[in-house]
Protein backbone atom coordinates (compact mmCIF):
# COMPACT_ATOMS: atom_id res chain seq x y z
CA MET A 1 -110.40 -41.20 -44.95
CA ARG A 2 -110.22 -41.71 -41.11
CA MET A 3 -112.62 -40.21 -38.94
CA PHE A 4 -111.30 -36.98 -37.14
CA LYS A 5 -112.47 -34.06 -35.25
CA PHE A 6 -111.46 -30.66 -36.26
CA MET A 7 -112.31 -27.63 -33.54
CA THR A 8 -111.58 -23.53 -33.37
CA PRO A 9 -112.88 -20.71 -31.48
CA GLU A 10 -114.94 -18.17 -32.87
CA ILE A 11 -112.24 -16.24 -34.56
CA ILE A 12 -112.36 -12.36 -35.16
CA PHE A 13 -109.60 -11.20 -37.58
CA GLY A 14 -108.53 -7.83 -38.81
CA ALA A 15 -107.00 -4.24 -38.33
CA GLY A 16 -108.71 -2.92 -35.26
CA SER A 17 -110.70 -5.96 -34.13
CA ILE A 18 -109.38 -5.51 -30.56
CA ASN A 19 -112.02 -3.19 -30.07
CA GLN A 20 -114.33 -6.12 -29.93
CA THR A 21 -113.11 -7.28 -26.65
CA GLY A 22 -115.48 -6.02 -24.63
CA ASP A 23 -118.22 -7.06 -26.50
CA SER A 24 -117.02 -10.37 -26.88
CA LEU A 25 -116.76 -10.85 -23.35
CA ARG A 26 -119.93 -9.74 -22.76
CA ARG A 27 -121.83 -12.03 -25.07
CA LEU A 28 -120.27 -14.70 -23.14
CA GLY A 29 -122.08 -13.30 -19.58
CA ALA A 30 -119.32 -11.92 -18.33
CA GLU A 31 -119.63 -9.62 -15.41
CA LYS A 32 -116.18 -9.31 -13.78
CA VAL A 33 -113.10 -9.94 -16.01
CA PHE A 34 -109.89 -11.73 -14.87
CA VAL A 35 -107.60 -9.90 -16.98
CA VAL A 36 -104.33 -11.61 -17.47
CA SER A 37 -101.29 -9.78 -19.17
CA ASP A 38 -97.56 -9.16 -18.62
CA PRO A 39 -95.35 -5.70 -17.85
CA GLY A 40 -94.22 -5.62 -21.73
CA VAL A 41 -97.67 -5.77 -22.93
CA VAL A 42 -98.85 -3.12 -20.38
CA GLN A 43 -95.76 -0.73 -21.17
CA ALA A 44 -96.74 -1.42 -25.18
CA GLY A 45 -100.12 0.07 -24.14
CA TRP A 46 -102.60 -2.61 -25.10
CA VAL A 47 -103.48 -3.52 -21.57
CA GLU A 48 -104.82 0.16 -21.17
CA ARG A 49 -106.59 0.02 -24.70
CA VAL A 50 -108.31 -3.61 -23.62
CA ILE A 51 -109.19 -2.12 -20.25
CA GLY A 52 -111.12 1.12 -21.96
CA TYR A 53 -112.98 -1.45 -24.17
CA LEU A 54 -114.09 -3.43 -21.12
CA GLU A 55 -115.33 -0.33 -19.03
CA ALA A 56 -116.98 1.03 -22.06
CA CYS A 57 -119.52 -2.32 -22.13
CA ASP A 58 -119.54 -1.73 -18.34
CA LEU A 59 -117.74 -4.75 -17.24
CA GLN A 60 -115.81 -4.91 -13.76
CA TYR A 61 -111.90 -6.01 -14.22
CA HIS A 62 -109.28 -7.34 -12.42
CA LEU A 63 -105.77 -6.91 -13.57
CA TRP A 64 -103.08 -9.56 -12.94
CA THR A 65 -99.42 -9.13 -14.76
CA ASP A 66 -97.31 -11.77 -12.37
CA VAL A 67 -96.56 -13.59 -15.61
CA THR A 68 -92.68 -14.15 -16.56
CA PRO A 69 -91.95 -15.95 -20.22
CA ASN A 70 -92.39 -19.78 -20.18
CA PRO A 71 -94.86 -19.16 -17.28
CA LYS A 72 -94.28 -21.11 -13.62
CA ASP A 73 -96.38 -23.53 -12.09
CA TYR A 74 -96.04 -21.05 -8.77
CA GLU A 75 -97.44 -18.35 -10.61
CA ILE A 76 -100.31 -19.93 -11.98
CA ASP A 77 -101.25 -20.77 -8.30
CA ARG A 78 -100.96 -17.26 -7.59
CA GLY A 79 -103.32 -16.48 -10.43
CA VAL A 80 -105.67 -18.70 -9.40
CA LYS A 81 -105.74 -17.73 -5.79
CA GLU A 82 -106.17 -13.87 -6.96
CA TYR A 83 -109.00 -15.12 -9.89
CA VAL A 84 -110.92 -16.88 -6.62
CA ASN A 85 -110.37 -13.80 -4.34
CA SER A 86 -111.15 -11.23 -7.03
CA GLU A 87 -114.60 -13.10 -7.67
CA CYS A 88 -114.36 -12.67 -11.31
CA ASN A 89 -116.38 -15.17 -13.70
CA ALA A 90 -114.45 -14.74 -16.82
CA VAL A 91 -110.92 -14.45 -18.23
CA LEU A 92 -109.16 -12.52 -20.55
CA GLY A 93 -105.41 -13.17 -21.69
CA ILE A 94 -103.64 -10.59 -23.47
CA GLY A 95 -99.88 -11.09 -24.93
CA GLY A 96 -98.14 -13.61 -26.34
CA GLY A 97 -98.14 -17.43 -25.67
CA SER A 98 -97.05 -16.93 -21.84
CA PRO A 99 -99.59 -14.83 -20.64
CA ILE A 100 -102.33 -16.71 -22.74
CA ASP A 101 -101.05 -20.10 -21.76
CA ALA A 102 -100.92 -18.85 -18.31
CA ALA A 103 -104.91 -17.20 -18.51
CA LYS A 104 -105.79 -21.06 -19.85
CA ALA A 105 -104.04 -22.89 -16.81
CA ILE A 106 -105.56 -20.55 -14.34
CA ALA A 107 -109.19 -20.65 -15.73
CA MET A 108 -108.60 -24.58 -15.65
CA LEU A 109 -107.42 -24.81 -12.13
CA ALA A 110 -110.25 -21.95 -11.11
CA THR A 111 -112.99 -25.00 -11.76
CA ASN A 112 -110.83 -28.15 -11.55
CA PRO A 113 -109.82 -29.64 -8.32
CA GLY A 114 -105.93 -30.43 -7.39
CA ASN A 115 -102.65 -28.94 -8.88
CA ILE A 116 -101.66 -28.36 -12.08
CA ARG A 117 -99.36 -31.56 -12.62
CA GLN A 118 -102.36 -33.55 -12.55
CA TYR A 119 -103.39 -32.33 -15.55
CA GLU A 120 -100.23 -32.99 -17.61
CA GLY A 121 -100.81 -35.27 -20.61
CA VAL A 122 -104.29 -35.39 -22.55
CA ASP A 123 -107.98 -34.75 -21.89
CA LYS A 124 -107.81 -34.54 -18.26
CA ILE A 125 -110.11 -32.22 -17.34
CA SER A 126 -113.35 -32.93 -16.18
CA HIS A 127 -115.03 -29.78 -15.26
CA PRO A 128 -115.96 -26.75 -17.50
CA LEU A 129 -113.85 -23.97 -17.69
CA PRO A 130 -114.97 -20.12 -17.42
CA PRO A 131 -115.86 -17.81 -20.46
CA MET A 132 -112.39 -17.02 -21.85
CA VAL A 133 -111.23 -14.32 -24.39
CA MET A 134 -107.65 -14.25 -26.05
CA VAL A 135 -106.01 -11.24 -27.84
CA PRO A 136 -102.54 -12.60 -29.27
CA THR A 137 -100.21 -9.83 -29.33
CA THR A 138 -97.13 -11.73 -31.13
CA ALA A 139 -97.87 -13.77 -34.13
CA GLY A 140 -96.08 -17.06 -33.30
CA ALA A 141 -97.62 -19.22 -30.18
CA GLY A 142 -100.85 -19.44 -31.80
CA SER A 143 -102.39 -20.32 -28.08
CA GLU A 144 -105.55 -18.30 -28.25
CA VAL A 145 -106.60 -20.94 -30.69
CA SER A 146 -105.10 -24.13 -29.26
CA GLN A 147 -105.86 -26.83 -26.96
CA PHE A 148 -102.66 -26.60 -25.45
CA SER A 149 -101.23 -25.00 -22.35
CA ILE A 150 -97.46 -25.00 -21.89
CA VAL A 151 -96.58 -24.46 -18.23
CA THR A 152 -92.98 -25.09 -16.34
CA ASP A 153 -92.77 -27.49 -13.77
CA THR A 154 -90.11 -25.86 -11.58
CA GLN A 155 -89.63 -28.76 -9.38
CA ARG A 156 -88.66 -31.01 -12.37
CA CYS A 157 -87.44 -28.64 -14.24
CA LEU A 158 -89.32 -29.01 -17.34
CA LYS A 159 -92.31 -28.14 -19.29
CA MET A 160 -95.40 -29.73 -18.78
CA THR A 161 -97.76 -30.07 -22.04
CA ILE A 162 -101.56 -29.91 -21.24
CA ILE A 163 -103.79 -30.54 -23.99
CA SER A 164 -107.44 -30.71 -23.70
CA LYS A 165 -110.55 -29.16 -25.88
CA SER A 166 -111.43 -27.32 -22.88
CA LEU A 167 -108.74 -25.30 -23.47
CA ILE A 168 -109.77 -23.84 -26.60
CA PRO A 169 -110.82 -20.30 -25.88
CA ASP A 170 -114.53 -19.32 -26.30
CA ILE A 171 -113.40 -16.51 -28.94
CA ALA A 172 -109.80 -15.47 -30.05
CA ILE A 173 -109.38 -11.79 -31.32
CA ILE A 174 -106.61 -11.28 -33.63
CA ASP A 175 -105.61 -7.62 -34.75
CA PRO A 176 -102.72 -7.38 -36.61
CA ASP A 177 -101.97 -3.95 -35.64
CA THR A 178 -100.65 -5.29 -31.69
CA LEU A 179 -97.77 -6.51 -33.80
CA VAL A 180 -96.36 -3.08 -34.14
CA THR A 181 -94.85 -2.72 -30.81
CA LYS A 182 -92.49 -5.96 -31.01
CA ASP A 183 -88.92 -5.59 -31.31
CA ALA A 184 -87.22 -7.59 -34.42
CA ARG A 185 -85.55 -10.04 -32.21
CA LEU A 186 -89.27 -10.82 -30.69
CA THR A 187 -90.69 -10.87 -34.44
CA ALA A 188 -87.93 -13.28 -35.65
CA ASN A 189 -88.40 -15.81 -32.58
CA THR A 190 -92.06 -15.60 -32.88
CA GLY A 191 -92.31 -15.80 -36.56
CA MET A 192 -89.68 -19.08 -36.37
CA ASP A 193 -92.25 -20.56 -33.79
CA ALA A 194 -95.04 -20.05 -36.15
CA LEU A 195 -92.99 -21.79 -38.89
CA THR A 196 -92.67 -24.98 -36.62
CA HIS A 197 -95.89 -25.10 -35.99
CA ALA A 198 -96.88 -25.32 -39.60
CA ILE A 199 -93.98 -27.65 -40.27
CA GLU A 200 -94.63 -29.99 -37.61
CA SER A 201 -98.41 -30.27 -37.79
CA TYR A 202 -97.97 -30.57 -41.24
CA ILE A 203 -95.62 -33.88 -40.96
CA SER A 204 -97.62 -34.92 -38.04
CA LEU A 205 -99.21 -38.43 -37.68
CA ALA A 206 -102.42 -36.90 -36.74
CA ALA A 207 -102.57 -34.47 -40.03
CA THR A 208 -105.56 -34.24 -42.02
CA PRO A 209 -106.73 -32.40 -45.01
CA LEU A 210 -108.13 -29.74 -43.16
CA THR A 211 -104.73 -29.20 -40.95
CA GLU A 212 -102.61 -29.93 -44.24
CA ARG A 213 -104.22 -27.16 -46.15
CA LEU A 214 -103.92 -24.73 -43.16
CA SER A 215 -100.21 -25.80 -42.05
CA LEU A 216 -99.14 -25.46 -46.06
CA HIS A 217 -100.31 -22.13 -46.27
CA ALA A 218 -98.80 -20.63 -43.45
CA ILE A 219 -95.49 -22.25 -44.37
CA GLN A 220 -95.83 -20.23 -47.40
CA LEU A 221 -96.77 -17.22 -45.51
CA VAL A 222 -94.02 -17.05 -43.37
CA ALA A 223 -91.49 -17.75 -45.98
CA THR A 224 -92.90 -14.59 -47.95
CA TYR A 225 -93.28 -12.40 -45.13
CA LEU A 226 -91.17 -13.23 -41.93
CA ARG A 227 -88.20 -11.58 -43.43
CA PRO A 228 -89.88 -7.98 -44.41
CA SER A 229 -92.19 -7.97 -40.82
CA THR A 230 -88.44 -8.66 -39.18
CA ALA A 231 -86.88 -5.72 -40.80
CA SER A 232 -89.97 -3.03 -40.51
CA SER A 233 -92.01 -2.53 -37.47
CA HIS A 234 -94.55 -0.71 -40.10
CA ASN A 235 -94.77 -2.90 -42.51
CA ARG A 236 -98.30 -3.59 -42.31
CA GLU A 237 -98.88 -5.99 -45.37
CA ALA A 238 -96.09 -8.00 -43.87
CA LYS A 239 -97.71 -8.00 -40.29
CA GLU A 240 -101.34 -9.03 -41.18
CA ALA A 241 -99.80 -11.85 -43.09
CA MET A 242 -97.69 -13.12 -40.03
CA ALA A 243 -100.63 -12.64 -37.93
CA MET A 244 -102.60 -15.08 -40.31
CA ALA A 245 -99.64 -17.46 -40.66
CA SER A 246 -99.47 -17.56 -36.96
CA LEU A 247 -103.54 -18.08 -36.73
CA GLN A 248 -103.50 -20.69 -39.47
CA ALA A 249 -100.14 -22.65 -38.01
CA GLY A 250 -102.12 -22.35 -34.68
CA ILE A 251 -105.56 -24.13 -35.68
CA ALA A 252 -103.35 -26.45 -37.44
CA PHE A 253 -101.46 -27.91 -34.82
CA SER A 254 -104.19 -27.69 -32.06
CA ASN A 255 -105.70 -30.20 -34.13
CA ALA A 256 -102.93 -32.35 -35.52
CA VAL A 257 -100.81 -31.70 -32.41
CA LEU A 258 -96.83 -31.47 -33.49
CA GLY A 259 -93.68 -33.40 -33.44
CA ALA A 260 -90.13 -33.51 -31.96
CA VAL A 261 -88.98 -30.16 -32.10
CA HIS A 262 -91.48 -28.65 -29.33
CA ALA A 263 -90.89 -32.03 -27.45
CA MET A 264 -87.33 -30.81 -27.45
CA SER A 265 -87.56 -27.61 -27.19
CA HIS A 266 -90.15 -27.83 -24.14
CA GLN A 267 -87.32 -29.47 -22.13
CA LEU A 268 -84.69 -26.87 -22.74
CA GLY A 269 -87.36 -24.14 -21.64
CA GLY A 270 -87.83 -25.81 -18.42
CA LEU A 271 -84.48 -26.49 -17.60
CA LEU A 272 -82.72 -23.00 -18.89
CA ASP A 273 -85.99 -20.75 -19.23
CA THR A 274 -84.88 -20.25 -22.95
CA PRO A 275 -87.00 -18.28 -25.33
CA HIS A 276 -89.54 -20.68 -26.84
CA GLY A 277 -89.23 -19.50 -30.65
CA GLU A 278 -85.35 -19.01 -30.82
CA ALA A 279 -85.22 -22.74 -29.24
CA ASN A 280 -87.37 -24.13 -32.30
CA ALA A 281 -85.65 -22.43 -34.82
CA ILE A 282 -82.31 -23.78 -33.90
CA LEU A 283 -83.35 -27.39 -33.65
CA LEU A 284 -85.91 -27.08 -36.32
CA PRO A 285 -83.28 -28.20 -39.17
CA TYR A 286 -81.51 -30.85 -37.45
CA VAL A 287 -85.27 -32.25 -36.51
CA MET A 288 -86.07 -32.08 -40.20
CA GLU A 289 -82.96 -33.84 -41.35
CA TYR A 290 -83.92 -36.54 -38.84
CA ASN A 291 -87.51 -36.75 -39.79
CA TYR A 292 -87.70 -36.05 -43.65
CA ILE A 293 -87.17 -39.78 -44.72
CA ALA A 294 -90.26 -40.68 -43.12
CA ALA A 295 -92.35 -37.98 -45.73
CA PRO A 296 -90.29 -37.01 -47.99
CA GLU A 297 -93.42 -35.82 -50.76
CA LYS A 298 -94.45 -33.70 -47.95
CA TYR A 299 -90.93 -32.31 -47.12
CA ALA A 300 -91.23 -31.34 -51.28
CA HIS A 301 -94.41 -29.62 -50.75
CA ILE A 302 -92.56 -27.88 -47.94
CA ALA A 303 -89.84 -26.55 -50.33
CA GLU A 304 -92.45 -25.50 -52.93
CA ALA A 305 -93.76 -23.50 -50.39
CA PHE A 306 -90.62 -21.86 -49.93
CA GLY A 307 -90.39 -21.25 -53.48
CA GLU A 308 -87.65 -23.80 -54.36
CA ARG A 309 -88.03 -25.21 -57.70
CA VAL A 310 -88.02 -29.03 -57.32
CA ALA A 311 -90.33 -30.16 -60.53
CA ASP A 312 -87.28 -32.08 -61.86
CA LEU A 313 -86.17 -33.67 -58.11
CA SER A 314 -86.79 -36.32 -56.54
CA PRO A 315 -88.85 -36.30 -53.45
CA CYS A 316 -85.61 -36.80 -51.23
CA GLU A 317 -84.07 -34.26 -53.14
CA ALA A 318 -86.73 -31.98 -53.02
CA ALA A 319 -86.73 -32.29 -49.14
CA LYS A 320 -83.21 -31.58 -48.86
CA ARG A 321 -84.09 -28.13 -50.50
CA ALA A 322 -86.63 -27.26 -47.99
CA ILE A 323 -84.31 -27.85 -44.78
CA LYS A 324 -81.95 -25.52 -47.06
CA ALA A 325 -84.44 -22.92 -47.06
CA VAL A 326 -85.51 -23.23 -43.63
CA LYS A 327 -81.50 -22.80 -42.60
CA GLU A 328 -81.44 -19.78 -44.98
CA LEU A 329 -84.24 -18.24 -43.65
CA ALA A 330 -83.00 -18.68 -39.77
CA ARG A 331 -79.44 -17.23 -40.80
CA ASP A 332 -81.01 -14.14 -42.37
CA LEU A 333 -83.20 -13.49 -38.91
CA ASP A 334 -79.99 -13.67 -36.84
CA ILE A 335 -81.37 -16.54 -35.31
CA PRO A 336 -78.37 -18.23 -33.22
CA GLU A 337 -76.82 -21.14 -34.88
CA SER A 338 -76.31 -23.43 -31.63
CA LEU A 339 -77.68 -24.54 -28.41
CA ALA A 340 -74.91 -23.83 -26.91
CA LYS A 341 -75.51 -20.01 -27.15
CA LEU A 342 -78.94 -20.37 -25.04
CA GLY A 343 -76.78 -21.98 -22.30
CA LEU A 344 -76.92 -25.93 -23.16
CA LYS A 345 -74.19 -27.88 -21.82
CA GLU A 346 -73.33 -31.33 -22.72
CA GLU A 347 -74.24 -32.53 -19.08
CA HIS A 348 -77.48 -31.52 -19.64
CA ILE A 349 -78.08 -33.36 -22.77
CA ARG A 350 -78.85 -37.13 -21.14
CA LYS A 351 -81.56 -35.84 -18.85
CA LEU A 352 -83.13 -33.48 -21.38
CA SER A 353 -83.61 -36.41 -24.32
CA GLN A 354 -85.00 -38.81 -21.01
CA ASN A 355 -87.79 -36.07 -20.82
CA ALA A 356 -88.21 -35.50 -24.49
CA VAL A 357 -89.36 -38.77 -25.19
CA GLN A 358 -91.96 -38.58 -22.88
CA ASP A 359 -93.34 -35.54 -24.15
CA ALA A 360 -97.02 -35.59 -25.54
CA CYS A 361 -95.65 -34.19 -29.04
CA MET A 362 -93.22 -36.77 -29.53
CA ILE A 363 -96.56 -39.42 -30.04
CA THR A 364 -97.03 -37.29 -33.32
CA ASN A 365 -93.57 -37.20 -34.68
CA PRO A 366 -93.59 -39.01 -38.00
CA ARG A 367 -90.30 -41.01 -37.26
CA ASP A 368 -89.86 -42.97 -34.22
CA MET A 369 -87.19 -41.73 -31.67
CA SER A 370 -85.08 -43.00 -28.97
CA VAL A 371 -83.30 -41.36 -26.57
CA ASP A 372 -79.93 -41.88 -28.48
CA ASP A 373 -81.87 -40.23 -31.31
CA VAL A 374 -82.61 -37.16 -29.46
CA GLU A 375 -79.35 -37.12 -27.80
CA LYS A 376 -77.77 -37.34 -31.18
CA ILE A 377 -79.66 -34.46 -32.18
CA PHE A 378 -78.81 -32.08 -29.41
CA ARG A 379 -75.47 -32.60 -29.98
CA GLN A 380 -75.80 -31.73 -33.66
CA ALA A 381 -77.11 -28.15 -32.61
CA LEU A 382 -74.99 -28.23 -29.48
């Protein structure tokens, strides 16, 4: 077995765990907390709830909610200036992947010089970040436990992938109760994002025995509970299971990285500002069809996690059952069937494909991909 490293934050999981926010920041030495969120999370009431826990611990705070889906480089710049001017010494992110990615990027630039483009890629952070606590309110992104921050470069119209162990938050608080305020579409999209994390980390070239167990169990949870979680905002069992799936997939991909689906969806998000989970959901079966010959046995295990009967099938036949199961799940969730419905046009494909092969997530894809290969998949999904 080769040597590997496995890292996670301190994790607090369970219904009602959001009430640990103030105590967690106090333990990290926080005095004034920079709270990063977005208007939707504010409207849902979770920011007000968290601020109450900060006040109960005699913590000062500064609230910043100038974040849009697929956070932009100029938003991060504004956030850094506000962090410095507010004289905070800790960061709290609350919301989906966008506020949490933004919170991590702000923390990074608060203590590291230069602009955000200098940190694109792997392990370019040199100075420690301020203490970070993250509270996700969607079950999908996994950013609260990961070493990733994804930020849109508005000049190049692509998403920058920033990867560093320094970006792993100190504490992640995962409260399934926060999921009851999500609508069905957001539940479906974020759940498919979690599934993509689980599948891509499972077949990643950097997968390890630890990540594989987490990835596979996350797949099983999504296969079982995403439909009922999408159907009912009050199904507590399904919400808890999806929160756990997102957590396990997040830990897995943080340590094993991802693959071609994310390398491609990052480009779509950067150009078209598409919903990340939705883009992943559309691309996933097409990339699986391309990749399965590189790891048919693993694809057979994915099929088993979906409940498919594969005992009498060859690995390649079983692998195709996994692809079929993913397509059926997306269909049941009313995921759009094509990228054209997200705004992709033929003239975009060449440039998106050239950018995708340069994305850090492509390094761990199990099958080699050329620009022409990526173009072909984009066209299949168009």
